[in-house]
Amino acid sequence: MTRDAFLPVAAQPSIDALADQAQRAESLGYDRAWLPETWGRDAVTVLATVAERTDSIGIGTSILPIYSRSPALIGQTAATLQELSGGRFRLGLGPSGPIVIENWHGVEFDRPLKRTRETVEIVKLVVAGEEVGYQGDVFDLSGFRLRCEAPDPPPAVDAAGMGPKSVELAGRFADGWHALMLTRDGLRDRLDDLSRGAELGDRDPDDVRVTFSVPCCALDDGERARDLARGHLAFYVGAMGTYYRDSLARQGHEEVANEIAAKWASGDREDAMAAISDDLLDSLGAVGTPEHANEQIKKFEAMDGVDAVSVSFPRGADLDEIDATLEAMAP
């Protein structure tokens, strides 16, 4: 079991701030610094900066959307970051959702499972230095090969997923699975899907690395920490399409998920947050005073099948609150 740091998904004041957070995580003993690509700074440029300013901490994308870049370009990018970091890079991929892909990138959100599988397979060929001859349902490629030396070792290629079929796909084709917005009971169900996928791929489930992102906020003012986490969870369930709402509903919280979404859509943000009970909040994250947050995260770390827990931060947390949480939750 390792403990990772999930660099803040919300806009930070500068690239320097993100690099500083990664350096801080390295000094505190975190195993890896993950960075998502959403609608702020691109993850590749930031992680290149982090690679240059750190020495030993792993770096990775969690996640890089697969619709905004071609598989060949994603492979080139992964190979380059692996070279730049001296072998510390791990690639996390995922389809994102239709709001992001269609509304913001102008690309049809078509066949996300098939596209994820084919992207993972093509990227693995690229980073291995092989000539890519690939005929799939989404992509038909021929003749591409890196003109530079392939990285040795090639970076691992992980897939994110929330639903049963997407998690099964990760178990069957990827080197790892990125999990988020799951209760412990929900995570157990998805781990069963992962094992089934690994078996379909004639693989050992233990060879598929599971990284579980846990919303964390550890402050002396425990109520402030819990309010920040409630705001974070309510935003994702209420504002980011149906994926997070559906995931919460699948885990036995359909009524709450629909209430959060309805309240958020009507502009009633306070009531949307209030719909998240203390018990549900504790089942989804590790938030409150430093003592309480550490007690909660250890429950996630004790779960069979989880290889790494990633400390993530509420989108509303400021720099001081991020740093306080990073220090309080350090391995």
Protein backbone atom coordinates (compact mmCIF):
# COMPACT_ATOMS: atom_id res chain seq x y z
CA MET A 1 0.00 0.00 0.00
CA THR A 2 1.28 3.44 -0.94
CA ARG A 3 -0.18 6.88 -0.38
CA ASP A 4 -0.22 9.25 -3.35
CA ALA A 5 -1.08 12.92 -3.75
CA PHE A 6 -3.72 14.01 -6.27
CA LEU A 7 -2.72 17.56 -7.18
CA PRO A 8 -5.68 19.95 -6.90
CA VAL A 9 -8.22 19.72 -9.68
CA ALA A 10 -9.38 23.30 -9.12
CA ALA A 11 -7.55 26.19 -10.72
CA GLN A 12 -4.34 27.04 -8.90
CA PRO A 13 -2.72 30.49 -9.07
CA SER A 14 0.25 29.31 -11.12
CA ILE A 15 2.22 26.37 -12.48
CA ASP A 16 4.75 27.17 -9.76
CA ALA A 17 2.07 26.51 -7.13
CA LEU A 18 1.39 23.05 -8.54
CA ALA A 19 5.10 22.28 -8.80
CA ASP A 20 5.55 23.46 -5.21
CA GLN A 21 2.77 21.12 -4.08
CA ALA A 22 4.47 18.21 -5.85
CA GLN A 23 7.81 19.09 -4.25
CA ARG A 24 6.07 19.28 -0.88
CA ALA A 25 4.49 15.88 -1.46
CA GLU A 26 7.91 14.45 -2.33
CA SER A 27 9.44 15.83 0.86
CA LEU A 28 6.58 14.34 2.92
CA GLY A 29 7.05 10.85 1.50
CA TYR A 30 4.14 10.53 -0.92
CA ASP A 31 4.78 7.90 -3.57
CA ARG A 32 3.32 9.66 -6.61
CA ALA A 33 1.81 12.98 -7.66
CA TRP A 34 -1.18 12.65 -9.98
CA LEU A 35 -2.62 15.49 -12.04
CA PRO A 36 -5.91 15.48 -13.95
CA GLU A 37 -6.53 17.39 -17.14
CA THR A 38 -9.81 19.26 -16.93
CA TRP A 39 -10.34 22.78 -18.27
CA GLY A 40 -7.38 24.66 -16.82
CA ARG A 41 -3.72 24.17 -17.55
CA ASP A 42 -2.91 21.14 -19.66
CA ALA A 43 -1.54 18.25 -17.62
CA VAL A 44 1.42 17.53 -19.90
CA THR A 45 3.11 20.91 -19.54
CA VAL A 46 2.55 20.98 -15.79
CA LEU A 47 3.86 17.43 -15.29
CA ALA A 48 6.93 18.24 -17.40
CA THR A 49 7.61 21.10 -15.01
CA VAL A 50 7.04 18.82 -12.00
CA ALA A 51 9.40 16.21 -13.46
CA GLU A 52 12.14 18.81 -13.81
CA ARG A 53 11.71 20.12 -10.26
CA THR A 54 11.48 16.80 -8.39
CA ASP A 55 13.87 13.90 -7.95
CA SER A 56 12.13 10.74 -6.78
CA ILE A 57 8.35 11.09 -6.58
CA GLY A 58 6.39 9.32 -9.30
CA ILE A 59 4.23 11.43 -11.58
CA GLY A 60 1.15 10.56 -13.56
CA THR A 61 -2.00 11.71 -15.33
CA SER A 62 -5.27 10.92 -13.65
CA ILE A 63 -6.77 11.27 -16.09
CA LEU A 64 -5.84 12.37 -19.60
CA PRO A 65 -9.02 12.44 -21.75
CA ILE A 66 -8.86 10.20 -24.80
CA TYR A 67 -11.03 12.32 -27.13
CA SER A 68 -8.88 15.45 -27.18
CA ARG A 69 -5.70 13.72 -28.47
CA SER A 70 -5.05 10.90 -30.91
CA PRO A 71 -3.75 7.59 -29.50
CA ALA A 72 -0.44 8.03 -31.35
CA LEU A 73 0.05 11.49 -29.82
CA ILE A 74 -0.85 10.17 -26.36
CA GLY A 75 1.80 7.47 -26.87
CA GLN A 76 4.40 10.05 -27.92
CA THR A 77 3.52 12.17 -24.89
CA ALA A 78 3.81 9.23 -22.51
CA ALA A 79 7.16 8.22 -23.97
CA THR A 80 8.45 11.79 -23.66
CA LEU A 81 7.33 12.22 -20.05
CA GLN A 82 8.83 8.85 -19.17
CA GLU A 83 12.17 9.99 -20.63
CA LEU A 84 12.02 13.39 -18.98
CA SER A 85 11.17 11.98 -15.55
CA GLY A 86 13.78 9.24 -15.65
CA GLY A 87 11.20 6.46 -15.60
CA ARG A 88 8.83 7.96 -13.02
CA PHE A 89 5.78 8.46 -15.25
CA ARG A 90 2.52 6.49 -15.25
CA LEU A 91 -0.21 7.24 -17.78
CA GLY A 92 -3.84 7.34 -16.68
CA LEU A 93 -6.47 7.55 -19.42
CA GLY A 94 -10.22 7.92 -19.47
CA PRO A 95 -13.10 9.03 -21.69
CA SER A 96 -14.33 11.88 -19.44
CA GLY A 97 -17.98 12.64 -20.27
CA PRO A 98 -20.20 14.17 -22.93
CA ILE A 99 -20.42 17.61 -21.28
CA VAL A 100 -16.65 18.00 -21.49
CA ILE A 101 -16.05 16.23 -24.79
CA GLU A 102 -18.97 17.45 -26.87
CA ASN A 103 -19.62 20.90 -25.39
CA TRP A 104 -16.01 21.95 -24.86
CA HIS A 105 -13.99 19.96 -27.39
CA GLY A 106 -16.64 19.69 -30.11
CA VAL A 107 -16.07 15.97 -30.57
CA GLU A 108 -18.82 13.37 -30.58
CA PHE A 109 -18.81 11.28 -27.39
CA ASP A 110 -19.13 8.05 -29.33
CA ARG A 111 -18.42 4.47 -28.14
CA PRO A 112 -16.42 5.44 -25.03
CA LEU A 113 -15.68 1.85 -23.98
CA LYS A 114 -14.47 0.81 -27.41
CA ARG A 115 -12.44 3.98 -27.81
CA THR A 116 -10.83 3.50 -24.39
CA ARG A 117 -9.84 -0.08 -25.17
CA GLU A 118 -8.37 0.78 -28.56
CA THR A 119 -6.52 3.80 -27.19
CA VAL A 120 -4.94 1.69 -24.42
CA GLU A 121 -3.87 -0.96 -26.93
CA ILE A 122 -2.40 1.55 -29.40
CA VAL A 123 -0.57 3.54 -26.72
CA LYS A 124 1.04 0.35 -25.41
CA LEU A 125 2.35 -0.41 -28.91
CA VAL A 126 3.71 3.12 -29.29
CA VAL A 127 5.57 3.28 -25.96
CA ALA A 128 7.04 -0.16 -26.60
CA GLY A 129 8.66 1.22 -29.75
CA GLU A 130 6.76 -1.10 -32.06
CA GLU A 131 5.45 -0.23 -35.50
CA VAL A 132 1.75 0.34 -35.13
CA GLY A 133 -0.44 -1.68 -37.44
CA TYR A 134 -3.87 -1.55 -35.88
CA GLN A 135 -7.31 -2.20 -37.31
CA GLY A 136 -10.08 -1.50 -34.84
CA ASP A 137 -13.66 -0.30 -34.90
CA VAL A 138 -12.67 3.27 -34.03
CA PHE A 139 -9.05 3.54 -35.22
CA ASP A 140 -7.28 2.17 -38.30
CA LEU A 141 -3.54 2.95 -38.16
CA SER A 142 -0.53 1.79 -40.10
CA GLY A 143 3.15 2.60 -40.24
CA PHE A 144 3.56 4.74 -37.12
CA ARG A 145 6.67 4.20 -35.00
CA LEU A 146 8.61 6.42 -32.64
CA ARG A 147 11.61 7.94 -34.39
CA CYS A 148 13.38 8.25 -31.03
CA GLU A 149 14.40 5.44 -28.72
CA ALA A 150 11.47 3.92 -26.88
CA PRO A 151 11.58 4.45 -23.11
CA ASP A 152 12.97 1.60 -21.08
CA PRO A 153 10.92 0.59 -19.22
CA PRO A 154 7.82 1.77 -21.04
CA PRO A 155 5.35 3.61 -18.80
CA ALA A 156 2.39 1.71 -17.41
CA VAL A 157 -0.97 2.56 -18.99
CA ASP A 158 -3.95 2.76 -16.63
CA ALA A 159 -7.64 3.31 -17.31
CA ALA A 160 -10.22 5.13 -15.23
CA GLY A 161 -13.76 3.89 -14.90
CA MET A 162 -16.84 4.21 -12.71
CA GLY A 163 -19.35 1.75 -14.16
CA PRO A 164 -19.14 -2.06 -14.16
CA LYS A 165 -18.22 -2.40 -17.85
CA SER A 166 -15.57 0.31 -17.82
CA VAL A 167 -13.93 -1.22 -14.75
CA GLU A 168 -14.08 -4.66 -16.35
CA LEU A 169 -12.33 -3.14 -19.37
CA ALA A 170 -9.54 -1.79 -17.17
CA GLY A 171 -9.05 -5.22 -15.65
CA ARG A 172 -8.88 -6.85 -19.07
CA PHE A 173 -6.64 -4.47 -21.00
CA ALA A 174 -4.91 -1.86 -18.80
CA ASP A 175 -2.03 -2.01 -16.33
CA GLY A 176 -4.09 -0.34 -13.63
CA TRP A 177 -7.46 1.08 -12.67
CA HIS A 178 -8.17 4.56 -11.30
CA ALA A 179 -11.18 4.63 -8.98
CA LEU A 180 -12.97 7.62 -7.51
CA MET A 181 -16.27 8.73 -5.95
CA LEU A 182 -16.91 5.33 -4.39
CA THR A 183 -17.96 4.23 -0.95
CA ARG A 184 -16.13 1.25 0.49
CA ASP A 185 -19.09 -1.00 -0.38
CA GLY A 186 -19.21 0.47 -3.88
CA LEU A 187 -15.50 -0.08 -4.31
CA ARG A 188 -15.85 -3.76 -3.36
CA ASP A 189 -18.45 -4.21 -6.11
CA ARG A 190 -16.22 -2.58 -8.69
CA LEU A 191 -13.23 -4.66 -7.58
CA ASP A 192 -15.33 -7.71 -8.47
CA ASP A 193 -15.80 -6.22 -11.94
CA LEU A 194 -12.06 -5.65 -12.19
CA SER A 195 -11.32 -9.26 -11.28
CA ARG A 196 -13.82 -10.49 -13.85
CA GLY A 197 -12.15 -8.36 -16.52
CA ALA A 198 -8.71 -9.68 -15.58
CA GLU A 199 -9.97 -13.24 -15.85
CA LEU A 200 -11.46 -12.52 -19.29
CA GLY A 201 -8.04 -11.24 -20.33
CA ASP A 202 -6.33 -14.32 -18.87
CA ARG A 203 -4.53 -12.11 -16.36
CA ASP A 204 -3.91 -12.18 -12.63
CA PRO A 205 -6.08 -9.47 -10.97
CA ASP A 206 -3.17 -8.76 -8.62
CA ASP A 207 -1.18 -7.54 -11.63
CA VAL A 208 -3.68 -4.71 -12.24
CA ARG A 209 -2.75 -1.83 -9.96
CA VAL A 210 -5.69 -0.15 -8.20
CA THR A 211 -5.32 3.53 -7.33
CA PHE A 212 -8.23 4.90 -5.33
CA SER A 213 -8.66 8.68 -5.14
CA VAL A 214 -10.16 9.70 -1.78
CA PRO A 215 -11.46 13.23 -1.16
CA CYS A 216 -9.48 14.47 1.84
CA CYS A 217 -9.46 17.61 3.92
CA ALA A 218 -7.75 17.64 7.32
CA LEU A 219 -7.95 20.93 9.20
CA ASP A 220 -7.95 21.98 12.84
CA ASP A 221 -11.35 23.45 12.00
CA GLY A 222 -12.98 20.10 11.26
CA GLU A 223 -16.34 21.62 10.29
CA ARG A 224 -14.67 23.83 7.69
CA ALA A 225 -13.00 20.73 6.26
CA ARG A 226 -16.32 18.88 6.07
CA ASP A 227 -18.08 21.84 4.45
CA LEU A 228 -15.37 22.01 1.78
CA ALA A 229 -15.73 18.29 1.07
CA ARG A 230 -19.53 18.55 0.89
CA GLY A 231 -19.22 21.37 -1.63
CA HIS A 232 -16.78 19.33 -3.69
CA LEU A 233 -18.97 16.22 -3.80
CA ALA A 234 -22.16 18.18 -4.45
CA PHE A 235 -20.51 19.93 -7.41
CA TYR A 236 -19.51 16.67 -9.08
CA VAL A 237 -22.86 14.98 -8.52
CA GLY A 238 -24.86 18.07 -9.43
CA ALA A 239 -22.87 19.84 -12.12
CA MET A 240 -20.75 17.31 -14.03
CA GLY A 241 -23.35 15.48 -16.09
CA THR A 242 -24.83 12.16 -15.01
CA TYR A 243 -21.75 9.98 -14.44
CA TYR A 244 -21.13 10.82 -10.79
CA ARG A 245 -24.84 10.89 -10.01
CA ASP A 246 -25.32 7.49 -11.63
CA SER A 247 -22.31 6.10 -9.79
CA LEU A 248 -23.68 7.24 -6.43
CA ALA A 249 -27.11 5.84 -7.30
CA ARG A 250 -25.56 2.48 -8.25
CA GLN A 251 -24.07 2.30 -4.78
CA GLY A 252 -27.47 2.43 -3.08
CA HIS A 253 -27.83 6.21 -2.76
CA GLU A 254 -30.17 6.97 -5.66
CA GLU A 255 -32.54 9.19 -3.69
CA VAL A 256 -29.71 11.31 -2.31
CA ALA A 257 -27.98 11.50 -5.70
CA ASN A 258 -31.17 12.75 -7.37
CA GLU A 259 -31.80 15.23 -4.55
CA ILE A 260 -28.30 16.68 -4.87
CA ALA A 261 -28.66 16.99 -8.64
CA ALA A 262 -32.09 18.62 -8.41
CA LYS A 263 -31.05 21.10 -5.73
CA TRP A 264 -27.89 22.02 -7.63
CA ALA A 265 -29.77 22.49 -10.89
CA SER A 266 -32.23 24.84 -9.17
CA GLY A 267 -29.36 26.95 -7.81
CA ASP A 268 -29.86 25.82 -4.22
CA ARG A 269 -26.25 24.92 -3.52
CA GLU A 270 -26.56 24.97 0.28
CA ASP A 271 -29.37 22.40 0.27
CA ALA A 272 -27.48 20.29 -2.25
CA MET A 273 -24.56 20.15 0.17
CA ALA A 274 -26.84 19.51 3.15
CA ALA A 275 -28.24 16.42 1.40
CA ILE A 276 -24.88 14.71 2.03
CA SER A 277 -25.21 13.22 5.51
CA ASP A 278 -22.29 12.78 7.88
CA ASP A 279 -22.37 9.03 7.34
CA LEU A 280 -22.33 9.35 3.55
CA LEU A 281 -19.55 11.92 3.74
CA ASP A 282 -17.42 9.57 5.84
CA SER A 283 -18.12 6.68 3.48
CA LEU A 284 -16.85 8.70 0.50
CA GLY A 285 -13.90 10.59 1.99
CA ALA A 286 -11.52 11.31 4.82
CA VAL A 287 -12.42 14.77 6.08
CA GLY A 288 -12.54 16.63 9.37
CA THR A 289 -9.87 17.14 11.98
CA PRO A 290 -6.47 15.57 11.21
CA GLU A 291 -7.19 12.76 13.68
CA HIS A 292 -10.58 11.93 12.17
CA ALA A 293 -9.35 12.19 8.57
CA ASN A 294 -6.47 9.80 9.23
CA GLU A 295 -8.78 7.32 10.92
CA GLN A 296 -11.03 7.38 7.87
CA ILE A 297 -8.33 7.03 5.23
CA LYS A 298 -6.90 3.99 7.00
CA LYS A 299 -10.24 2.26 6.45
CA PHE A 300 -9.81 2.68 2.71
CA GLU A 301 -6.20 1.55 2.85
CA ALA A 302 -7.18 -1.60 4.74
CA MET A 303 -9.34 -2.84 1.86
CA ASP A 304 -8.17 -5.90 -0.03
CA GLY A 305 -7.40 -5.11 -3.65
CA VAL A 306 -6.41 -1.46 -3.18
CA ASP A 307 -2.73 -0.80 -3.97
CA ALA A 308 -2.58 2.97 -3.51
CA VAL A 309 -4.80 5.61 -1.96
CA SER A 310 -4.52 9.04 -3.51
CA VAL A 311 -5.13 12.05 -1.25
CA SER A 312 -7.26 14.47 -3.26
CA PHE A 313 -8.39 17.94 -2.22
CA PRO A 314 -11.73 19.78 -2.32
CA ARG A 315 -12.03 22.15 -5.23
CA GLY A 316 -12.77 25.05 -2.85
CA ALA A 317 -9.68 24.60 -0.66
CA ASP A 318 -7.13 27.43 -0.67
CA LEU A 319 -3.37 26.99 -0.78
CA ASP A 320 -2.98 26.95 3.00
CA GLU A 321 -5.75 24.35 3.39
CA ILE A 322 -4.20 22.17 0.70
CA ASP A 323 -0.81 22.36 2.39
CA ALA A 324 -2.29 21.62 5.81
CA THR A 325 -4.08 18.56 4.44
CA LEU A 326 -1.01 17.39 2.54
CA GLU A 327 1.02 17.52 5.74
CA ALA A 328 -1.65 16.01 8.00
CA MET A 329 -2.27 13.08 5.63
CA ALA A 330 1.40 12.40 4.85
CA PRO A 331 2.46 8.73 4.84
